[in-house]
Amino acid sequence: MKKLAALLALLLVLPLLCACGETKAAPEAQTRSLPGDAGDYPEPVDWDLTFCQPEEAYREVEHYNIDPTGYKGMSLRLMGEFFSVQDHGKTFYYIGVRDDDGCVENLEIRFPGDGSMPEGFPKEGEVTVYGVLDYYGTQRDGKDVNCAVLTDTELSRVRGDGRG
């Protein structure tokens, strides 16, 4: 009987642990916005990782990078460290999400229009962004792979900018 009660308790708690970021599973998150950000981007978002613990957000971004095909077209709000990398004369932009152990999972981001970084976007530092998940195919070590990318990325806020 105790085993059955423990199993039932686990089954009730498990969906709560797996629902991080999915605002459909947490209706109150659909109407919440970040301080100073009202109207900055459409609500509700499909995945809002700003309300997750670092470990949970890290795992979600890791899932996007492992198999991005199932997330295409979903809107995402994400907080992390923004940085850019130069490679073969081209600039690539990323947001890195750090887990509790200090490991970082990066997600490539692209800006609207010609893809250049918008005026007012910081060169680096902690930011919150909004965008739409997509992916593109490329070759790595002679194999076809899909790479996750957050498109039409908009800045929501910068740590220490007075907006939150």
N, C-alpha and C. Protein backbone atom coordinates (compact mmCIF):
# COMPACT_ATOMS: atom_id res chain seq x y z
N MET A 1 0.82 -1.19 0.00
CA MET A 1 0.00 0.00 0.00
C MET A 1 0.86 1.26 0.00
N LYS A 2 1.96 1.25 0.80
CA LYS A 2 2.85 2.40 0.85
C LYS A 2 3.51 2.65 -0.50
N LYS A 3 3.84 1.55 -1.21
CA LYS A 3 4.45 1.70 -2.53
C LYS A 3 3.48 2.33 -3.51
N LEU A 4 2.23 1.95 -3.44
CA LEU A 4 1.21 2.51 -4.32
C LEU A 4 1.01 4.00 -4.03
N ALA A 5 0.98 4.38 -2.76
CA ALA A 5 0.83 5.79 -2.39
C ALA A 5 2.03 6.60 -2.87
N ALA A 6 3.23 6.04 -2.74
CA ALA A 6 4.44 6.74 -3.20
C ALA A 6 4.43 6.90 -4.71
N LEU A 7 3.99 5.87 -5.43
CA LEU A 7 3.91 5.94 -6.88
C LEU A 7 2.90 7.00 -7.33
N LEU A 8 1.74 7.04 -6.69
CA LEU A 8 0.73 8.05 -7.02
C LEU A 8 1.25 9.46 -6.75
N ALA A 9 1.95 9.65 -5.63
CA ALA A 9 2.52 10.96 -5.31
C ALA A 9 3.53 11.37 -6.37
N LEU A 10 4.36 10.44 -6.83
CA LEU A 10 5.35 10.71 -7.87
C LEU A 10 4.67 11.10 -9.17
N LEU A 11 3.61 10.40 -9.52
CA LEU A 11 2.88 10.70 -10.75
C LEU A 11 2.23 12.08 -10.71
N LEU A 12 1.84 12.54 -9.54
CA LEU A 12 1.25 13.86 -9.41
C LEU A 12 2.30 14.97 -9.49
N VAL A 13 3.49 14.72 -8.99
CA VAL A 13 4.55 15.72 -8.96
C VAL A 13 5.32 15.78 -10.27
N LEU A 14 5.48 14.68 -10.97
CA LEU A 14 6.29 14.60 -12.18
C LEU A 14 5.90 15.63 -13.24
N PRO A 15 4.62 15.84 -13.56
CA PRO A 15 4.28 16.85 -14.56
C PRO A 15 4.72 18.26 -14.16
N LEU A 16 4.72 18.56 -12.88
CA LEU A 16 5.16 19.88 -12.43
C LEU A 16 6.64 20.08 -12.68
N LEU A 17 7.43 19.02 -12.51
CA LEU A 17 8.87 19.12 -12.73
C LEU A 17 9.21 19.25 -14.20
N CYS A 18 8.41 18.70 -15.07
CA CYS A 18 8.69 18.71 -16.50
C CYS A 18 8.13 19.94 -17.21
N ALA A 19 7.36 20.76 -16.54
CA ALA A 19 6.64 21.84 -17.22
C ALA A 19 7.38 23.17 -17.21
N CYS A 20 8.60 23.23 -16.73
CA CYS A 20 9.32 24.49 -16.66
C CYS A 20 9.35 25.16 -18.01
N GLY A 21 9.00 26.43 -18.02
CA GLY A 21 9.07 27.22 -19.24
C GLY A 21 7.85 27.13 -20.12
N GLU A 22 7.05 26.14 -19.98
CA GLU A 22 5.89 25.98 -20.84
C GLU A 22 4.72 26.71 -20.20
N THR A 23 4.44 27.91 -20.69
CA THR A 23 3.41 28.72 -20.05
C THR A 23 2.03 28.09 -20.17
N LYS A 24 1.85 27.17 -21.09
CA LYS A 24 0.56 26.48 -21.19
C LYS A 24 0.30 25.66 -19.94
N ALA A 25 1.37 25.19 -19.28
CA ALA A 25 1.22 24.40 -18.07
C ALA A 25 1.11 25.28 -16.83
N ALA A 26 1.43 26.57 -16.98
CA ALA A 26 1.37 27.50 -15.85
C ALA A 26 0.64 28.76 -16.31
N PRO A 27 -0.71 28.74 -16.32
CA PRO A 27 -1.48 29.85 -16.88
C PRO A 27 -1.13 31.21 -16.30
N GLU A 28 -0.74 31.29 -15.02
CA GLU A 28 -0.43 32.60 -14.45
C GLU A 28 0.79 33.23 -15.12
N ALA A 29 1.68 32.44 -15.72
CA ALA A 29 2.85 32.98 -16.39
C ALA A 29 2.48 33.69 -17.69
N GLN A 30 1.32 33.38 -18.26
CA GLN A 30 0.91 34.00 -19.51
C GLN A 30 0.67 35.49 -19.35
N THR A 31 0.29 35.94 -18.21
CA THR A 31 -0.02 37.35 -18.04
C THR A 31 1.09 38.11 -17.33
N ARG A 32 2.10 37.42 -16.83
CA ARG A 32 3.19 38.11 -16.15
C ARG A 32 4.18 38.65 -17.17
N SER A 33 4.71 39.82 -16.91
CA SER A 33 5.78 40.35 -17.74
C SER A 33 6.87 40.85 -16.82
N LEU A 34 8.03 41.06 -17.38
CA LEU A 34 9.16 41.51 -16.59
C LEU A 34 8.99 42.98 -16.24
N PRO A 35 9.55 43.44 -15.12
CA PRO A 35 9.41 44.85 -14.73
C PRO A 35 9.91 45.77 -15.82
N GLY A 36 9.09 46.74 -16.20
CA GLY A 36 9.48 47.72 -17.20
C GLY A 36 9.38 47.23 -18.62
N ASP A 37 8.86 46.03 -18.85
CA ASP A 37 8.85 45.45 -20.18
C ASP A 37 7.46 45.38 -20.81
N ALA A 38 6.46 45.94 -20.20
CA ALA A 38 5.10 45.82 -20.72
C ALA A 38 5.05 46.26 -22.17
N GLY A 39 4.52 45.41 -23.02
CA GLY A 39 4.36 45.74 -24.43
C GLY A 39 5.62 45.57 -25.26
N ASP A 40 6.72 45.12 -24.67
CA ASP A 40 7.94 44.97 -25.44
C ASP A 40 7.86 43.84 -26.46
N TYR A 41 7.07 42.81 -26.18
CA TYR A 41 6.93 41.70 -27.09
C TYR A 41 5.62 40.99 -26.82
N PRO A 42 5.17 40.19 -27.78
CA PRO A 42 3.84 39.59 -27.64
C PRO A 42 3.74 38.63 -26.47
N GLU A 43 2.57 38.58 -25.90
CA GLU A 43 2.25 37.61 -24.84
C GLU A 43 1.12 36.76 -25.38
N PRO A 44 0.95 35.56 -24.97
CA PRO A 44 1.87 34.82 -24.13
C PRO A 44 3.00 34.23 -24.96
N VAL A 45 4.05 33.84 -24.32
CA VAL A 45 5.13 33.12 -24.99
C VAL A 45 4.92 31.64 -24.76
N ASP A 46 5.43 30.84 -25.70
CA ASP A 46 5.30 29.39 -25.55
C ASP A 46 6.19 28.86 -24.43
N TRP A 47 7.41 29.37 -24.34
CA TRP A 47 8.38 28.94 -23.33
C TRP A 47 8.98 30.16 -22.68
N ASP A 48 8.77 30.33 -21.39
CA ASP A 48 9.35 31.44 -20.66
C ASP A 48 10.32 30.87 -19.63
N LEU A 49 11.59 30.86 -19.98
CA LEU A 49 12.60 30.27 -19.10
C LEU A 49 13.11 31.24 -18.05
N THR A 50 12.60 32.47 -18.05
CA THR A 50 13.05 33.44 -17.05
C THR A 50 12.52 33.10 -15.66
N PHE A 51 11.48 32.27 -15.58
CA PHE A 51 10.91 31.90 -14.29
C PHE A 51 11.47 30.57 -13.77
N CYS A 52 12.39 29.96 -14.53
CA CYS A 52 12.97 28.68 -14.15
C CYS A 52 14.21 28.85 -13.29
N GLN A 53 14.53 27.82 -12.55
CA GLN A 53 15.81 27.74 -11.86
C GLN A 53 16.90 27.58 -12.92
N PRO A 54 18.14 28.00 -12.63
CA PRO A 54 19.21 27.90 -13.63
C PRO A 54 19.38 26.50 -14.22
N GLU A 55 19.30 25.48 -13.39
CA GLU A 55 19.48 24.10 -13.87
C GLU A 55 18.39 23.73 -14.87
N GLU A 56 17.16 24.15 -14.61
CA GLU A 56 16.04 23.83 -15.51
C GLU A 56 16.19 24.56 -16.84
N ALA A 57 16.54 25.84 -16.80
CA ALA A 57 16.73 26.60 -18.04
C ALA A 57 17.88 26.00 -18.86
N TYR A 58 18.95 25.63 -18.19
CA TYR A 58 20.10 25.00 -18.85
C TYR A 58 19.65 23.73 -19.59
N ARG A 59 18.89 22.88 -18.91
CA ARG A 59 18.44 21.63 -19.53
C ARG A 59 17.53 21.88 -20.73
N GLU A 60 16.66 22.88 -20.64
CA GLU A 60 15.78 23.19 -21.77
C GLU A 60 16.58 23.63 -22.99
N VAL A 61 17.55 24.51 -22.79
CA VAL A 61 18.39 24.96 -23.91
C VAL A 61 19.20 23.78 -24.46
N GLU A 62 19.64 22.91 -23.60
CA GLU A 62 20.36 21.71 -24.03
C GLU A 62 19.46 20.86 -24.94
N HIS A 63 18.19 20.71 -24.58
CA HIS A 63 17.24 19.96 -25.41
C HIS A 63 17.09 20.61 -26.78
N TYR A 64 16.99 21.94 -26.82
CA TYR A 64 16.86 22.64 -28.10
C TYR A 64 18.07 22.33 -28.98
N ASN A 65 19.25 22.32 -28.38
CA ASN A 65 20.47 22.08 -29.15
C ASN A 65 20.62 20.62 -29.60
N ILE A 66 20.13 19.70 -28.82
CA ILE A 66 20.24 18.27 -29.17
C ILE A 66 19.34 17.94 -30.36
N ASP A 67 18.07 18.38 -30.30
CA ASP A 67 17.13 18.11 -31.39
C ASP A 67 16.17 19.28 -31.54
N PRO A 68 16.56 20.30 -32.31
CA PRO A 68 15.74 21.50 -32.42
C PRO A 68 14.50 21.36 -33.30
N THR A 69 14.36 20.27 -34.03
CA THR A 69 13.28 20.15 -35.00
C THR A 69 11.88 20.23 -34.39
N GLY A 70 11.71 19.75 -33.17
CA GLY A 70 10.39 19.76 -32.54
C GLY A 70 9.99 21.10 -31.94
N TYR A 71 10.89 22.07 -31.94
CA TYR A 71 10.63 23.36 -31.31
C TYR A 71 10.43 24.49 -32.31
N LYS A 72 10.54 24.20 -33.59
CA LYS A 72 10.45 25.21 -34.63
C LYS A 72 9.16 26.02 -34.50
N GLY A 73 9.30 27.35 -34.51
CA GLY A 73 8.15 28.24 -34.46
C GLY A 73 7.67 28.61 -33.07
N MET A 74 8.24 28.03 -32.03
CA MET A 74 7.81 28.34 -30.67
C MET A 74 8.51 29.60 -30.18
N SER A 75 7.76 30.47 -29.51
CA SER A 75 8.35 31.69 -28.96
C SER A 75 9.01 31.38 -27.62
N LEU A 76 10.10 32.11 -27.34
CA LEU A 76 10.92 31.83 -26.17
C LEU A 76 11.40 33.12 -25.54
N ARG A 77 11.31 33.19 -24.23
CA ARG A 77 11.92 34.27 -23.45
C ARG A 77 13.00 33.61 -22.60
N LEU A 78 14.20 34.22 -22.60
CA LEU A 78 15.36 33.58 -21.99
C LEU A 78 16.29 34.61 -21.39
N MET A 79 16.84 34.29 -20.24
CA MET A 79 17.82 35.16 -19.59
C MET A 79 19.16 34.44 -19.58
N GLY A 80 20.24 35.18 -19.90
CA GLY A 80 21.57 34.59 -19.88
C GLY A 80 22.62 35.61 -20.24
N GLU A 81 23.83 35.11 -20.46
CA GLU A 81 24.97 35.97 -20.81
C GLU A 81 25.06 36.10 -22.33
N PHE A 82 24.99 37.33 -22.81
CA PHE A 82 25.10 37.61 -24.24
C PHE A 82 26.57 37.79 -24.61
N PHE A 83 26.96 37.21 -25.74
CA PHE A 83 28.31 37.41 -26.25
C PHE A 83 28.32 37.15 -27.75
N SER A 84 29.40 37.56 -28.41
CA SER A 84 29.55 37.33 -29.84
C SER A 84 30.89 36.68 -30.12
N VAL A 85 30.97 36.00 -31.26
CA VAL A 85 32.18 35.30 -31.67
C VAL A 85 32.43 35.62 -33.14
N GLN A 86 33.67 35.95 -33.48
CA GLN A 86 34.06 36.17 -34.87
C GLN A 86 34.61 34.87 -35.43
N ASP A 87 34.12 34.46 -36.60
CA ASP A 87 34.61 33.25 -37.25
C ASP A 87 34.58 33.44 -38.76
N HIS A 88 35.72 33.34 -39.37
CA HIS A 88 35.84 33.51 -40.83
C HIS A 88 35.21 34.82 -41.31
N GLY A 89 35.46 35.90 -40.58
CA GLY A 89 34.97 37.21 -40.98
C GLY A 89 33.49 37.45 -40.71
N LYS A 90 32.83 36.53 -40.07
CA LYS A 90 31.40 36.69 -39.77
C LYS A 90 31.22 36.71 -38.26
N THR A 91 30.24 37.49 -37.80
CA THR A 91 29.95 37.58 -36.38
C THR A 91 28.75 36.71 -36.05
N PHE A 92 28.91 35.85 -35.04
CA PHE A 92 27.83 35.01 -34.55
C PHE A 92 27.50 35.48 -33.13
N TYR A 93 26.20 35.52 -32.81
CA TYR A 93 25.74 35.99 -31.50
C TYR A 93 25.14 34.82 -30.73
N TYR A 94 25.37 34.83 -29.41
CA TYR A 94 24.90 33.74 -28.56
C TYR A 94 24.39 34.27 -27.23
N ILE A 95 23.54 33.48 -26.61
CA ILE A 95 23.17 33.70 -25.22
C ILE A 95 23.51 32.41 -24.50
N GLY A 96 24.25 32.53 -23.41
CA GLY A 96 24.69 31.37 -22.65
C GLY A 96 23.91 31.26 -21.35
N VAL A 97 23.41 30.06 -21.07
CA VAL A 97 22.65 29.80 -19.86
C VAL A 97 23.51 28.92 -18.95
N ARG A 98 23.74 29.39 -17.75
CA ARG A 98 24.62 28.71 -16.79
C ARG A 98 23.79 27.92 -15.79
N ASP A 99 24.22 26.65 -15.53
CA ASP A 99 23.54 25.85 -14.52
C ASP A 99 24.17 26.10 -13.15
N ASP A 100 23.69 25.40 -12.14
CA ASP A 100 24.18 25.59 -10.77
C ASP A 100 25.65 25.22 -10.60
N ASP A 101 26.17 24.35 -11.46
CA ASP A 101 27.56 23.92 -11.37
C ASP A 101 28.50 24.79 -12.18
N GLY A 102 27.96 25.80 -12.89
CA GLY A 102 28.79 26.68 -13.69
C GLY A 102 28.95 26.26 -15.14
N CYS A 103 28.34 25.14 -15.54
CA CYS A 103 28.38 24.73 -16.94
C CYS A 103 27.49 25.65 -17.76
N VAL A 104 27.88 25.90 -19.01
CA VAL A 104 27.14 26.83 -19.86
C VAL A 104 26.64 26.11 -21.11
N GLU A 105 25.38 26.32 -21.43
CA GLU A 105 24.79 25.83 -22.68
C GLU A 105 24.44 27.07 -23.50
N ASN A 106 24.98 27.15 -24.72
CA ASN A 106 24.79 28.34 -25.56
C ASN A 106 23.71 28.11 -26.60
N LEU A 107 22.99 29.17 -26.91
CA LEU A 107 21.99 29.16 -27.97
C LEU A 107 22.31 30.30 -28.92
N GLU A 108 22.46 29.97 -30.19
CA GLU A 108 22.73 31.02 -31.19
C GLU A 108 21.50 31.90 -31.32
N ILE A 109 21.73 33.21 -31.47
CA ILE A 109 20.61 34.13 -31.67
C ILE A 109 20.88 34.96 -32.93
N ARG A 110 19.79 35.33 -33.59
CA ARG A 110 19.86 36.18 -34.78
C ARG A 110 18.87 37.32 -34.62
N PHE A 111 19.30 38.47 -35.06
CA PHE A 111 18.48 39.67 -34.96
C PHE A 111 17.64 39.85 -36.21
N PRO A 112 16.51 40.59 -36.10
CA PRO A 112 15.64 40.82 -37.27
C PRO A 112 16.37 41.62 -38.35
N GLY A 113 15.76 41.63 -39.53
CA GLY A 113 16.31 42.41 -40.64
C GLY A 113 17.57 41.78 -41.20
N ASP A 114 18.61 42.59 -41.31
CA ASP A 114 19.86 42.10 -41.90
C ASP A 114 20.70 41.28 -40.92
N GLY A 115 20.22 41.12 -39.68
CA GLY A 115 20.91 40.30 -38.70
C GLY A 115 21.96 41.03 -37.88
N SER A 116 22.19 42.30 -38.19
CA SER A 116 23.19 43.04 -37.41
C SER A 116 22.61 43.41 -36.04
N MET A 117 23.50 43.56 -35.10
CA MET A 117 23.09 43.84 -33.72
C MET A 117 22.43 45.21 -33.65
N PRO A 118 21.22 45.28 -33.09
CA PRO A 118 20.50 46.56 -33.00
C PRO A 118 21.21 47.55 -32.08
N GLU A 119 20.99 48.82 -32.37
CA GLU A 119 21.54 49.87 -31.52
C GLU A 119 20.95 49.72 -30.12
N GLY A 120 21.80 49.90 -29.11
CA GLY A 120 21.36 49.79 -27.73
C GLY A 120 21.52 48.40 -27.14
N PHE A 121 21.82 47.41 -27.99
CA PHE A 121 22.05 46.06 -27.48
C PHE A 121 23.46 46.02 -26.93
N PRO A 122 23.66 45.48 -25.74
CA PRO A 122 25.01 45.48 -25.15
C PRO A 122 25.96 44.55 -25.91
N LYS A 123 27.24 44.86 -25.86
CA LYS A 123 28.23 44.00 -26.52
C LYS A 123 28.41 42.69 -25.77
N GLU A 124 28.15 42.71 -24.47
CA GLU A 124 28.21 41.50 -23.65
C GLU A 124 27.51 41.78 -22.33
N GLY A 125 27.23 40.72 -21.57
CA GLY A 125 26.61 40.87 -20.27
C GLY A 125 25.29 40.13 -20.18
N GLU A 126 24.68 40.18 -18.98
CA GLU A 126 23.43 39.46 -18.75
C GLU A 126 22.27 40.23 -19.35
N VAL A 127 21.47 39.53 -20.13
CA VAL A 127 20.32 40.12 -20.80
C VAL A 127 19.14 39.15 -20.72
N THR A 128 17.96 39.66 -20.98
CA THR A 128 16.78 38.85 -21.20
C THR A 128 16.32 39.14 -22.62
N VAL A 129 16.10 38.09 -23.41
CA VAL A 129 15.73 38.25 -24.81
C VAL A 129 14.45 37.48 -25.09
N TYR A 130 13.83 37.86 -26.21
CA TYR A 130 12.64 37.19 -26.72
C TYR A 130 12.92 36.87 -28.18
N GLY A 131 12.47 35.71 -28.65
CA GLY A 131 12.61 35.36 -30.06
C GLY A 131 11.81 34.12 -30.38
N VAL A 132 12.00 33.64 -31.59
CA VAL A 132 11.28 32.46 -32.08
C VAL A 132 12.30 31.38 -32.42
N LEU A 133 12.07 30.17 -31.91
CA LEU A 133 13.00 29.07 -32.15
C LEU A 133 12.91 28.57 -33.59
N ASP A 134 14.08 28.29 -34.14
CA ASP A 134 14.19 27.74 -35.48
C ASP A 134 15.44 26.88 -35.50
N TYR A 135 15.78 26.35 -36.64
CA TYR A 135 17.02 25.59 -36.79
C TYR A 135 17.48 25.65 -38.23
N TYR A 136 18.74 25.32 -38.44
CA TYR A 136 19.28 25.24 -39.79
C TYR A 136 20.20 24.03 -39.86
N GLY A 137 20.35 23.48 -41.05
CA GLY A 137 21.21 22.33 -41.26
C GLY A 137 22.61 22.76 -41.62
N THR A 138 23.58 22.00 -41.17
CA THR A 138 24.98 22.26 -41.50
C THR A 138 25.73 20.93 -41.43
N GLN A 139 27.03 20.99 -41.70
CA GLN A 139 27.88 19.80 -41.64
C GLN A 139 28.89 19.95 -40.52
N ARG A 140 29.06 18.92 -39.71
CA ARG A 140 30.10 18.86 -38.68
C ARG A 140 30.76 17.50 -38.77
N ASP A 141 32.05 17.52 -38.94
CA ASP A 141 32.82 16.27 -39.03
C ASP A 141 32.24 15.34 -40.09
N GLY A 142 31.80 15.92 -41.21
CA GLY A 142 31.27 15.13 -42.31
C GLY A 142 29.86 14.60 -42.12
N LYS A 143 29.19 15.05 -41.04
CA LYS A 143 27.82 14.58 -40.78
C LYS A 143 26.85 15.76 -40.85
N ASP A 144 25.63 15.48 -41.32
CA ASP A 144 24.58 16.49 -41.32
C ASP A 144 24.04 16.66 -39.91
N VAL A 145 23.96 17.89 -39.44
CA VAL A 145 23.41 18.18 -38.12
C VAL A 145 22.46 19.37 -38.22
N ASN A 146 21.51 19.44 -37.29
CA ASN A 146 20.62 20.59 -37.18
C ASN A 146 21.08 21.44 -36.00
N CYS A 147 21.15 22.74 -36.21
CA CYS A 147 21.58 23.67 -35.17
C CYS A 147 20.42 24.57 -34.76
N ALA A 148 20.18 24.67 -33.46
CA ALA A 148 19.12 25.53 -32.94
C ALA A 148 19.54 26.98 -33.06
N VAL A 149 18.56 27.85 -33.31
CA VAL A 149 18.82 29.29 -33.37
C VAL A 149 17.55 30.02 -32.92
N LEU A 150 17.74 31.10 -32.17
CA LEU A 150 16.62 31.95 -31.76
C LEU A 150 16.58 33.12 -32.74
N THR A 151 15.53 33.19 -33.55
CA THR A 151 15.45 34.20 -34.61
C THR A 151 14.63 35.40 -34.17
N ASP A 152 14.75 36.49 -34.92
CA ASP A 152 14.00 37.73 -34.66
C ASP A 152 14.16 38.15 -33.20
N THR A 153 15.37 37.99 -32.69
CA THR A 153 15.65 38.23 -31.28
C THR A 153 15.53 39.71 -30.93
N GLU A 154 14.81 39.97 -29.84
CA GLU A 154 14.64 41.33 -29.31
C GLU A 154 15.18 41.37 -27.89
N LEU A 155 15.81 42.48 -27.55
CA LEU A 155 16.29 42.68 -26.19
C LEU A 155 15.13 43.05 -25.30
N SER A 156 15.05 42.41 -24.16
CA SER A 156 14.03 42.74 -23.18
C SER A 156 14.62 43.63 -22.11
N ARG A 157 15.76 43.23 -21.56
CA ARG A 157 16.39 44.05 -20.55
C ARG A 157 17.84 43.65 -20.36
N VAL A 158 18.57 44.55 -19.73
CA VAL A 158 19.97 44.34 -19.41
C VAL A 158 20.09 44.48 -17.91
N ARG A 159 20.86 43.63 -17.27
CA ARG A 159 21.06 43.75 -15.82
C ARG A 159 21.69 45.09 -15.54
N GLY A 160 21.13 45.81 -14.56
CA GLY A 160 21.69 47.08 -14.14
C GLY A 160 21.30 48.27 -15.00
N ASP A 161 20.38 48.09 -15.96
CA ASP A 161 20.00 49.22 -16.80
C ASP A 161 18.81 49.98 -16.25
N GLY A 162 18.39 49.65 -15.04
CA GLY A 162 17.27 50.36 -14.43
C GLY A 162 15.91 49.78 -14.81
N ARG A 163 15.91 48.76 -15.66
CA ARG A 163 14.64 48.16 -16.06
C ARG A 163 14.43 46.82 -15.39
N GLY A 164 15.14 46.49 -14.36
CA GLY A 164 14.89 45.22 -13.72
C GLY A 164 16.11 44.56 -13.42
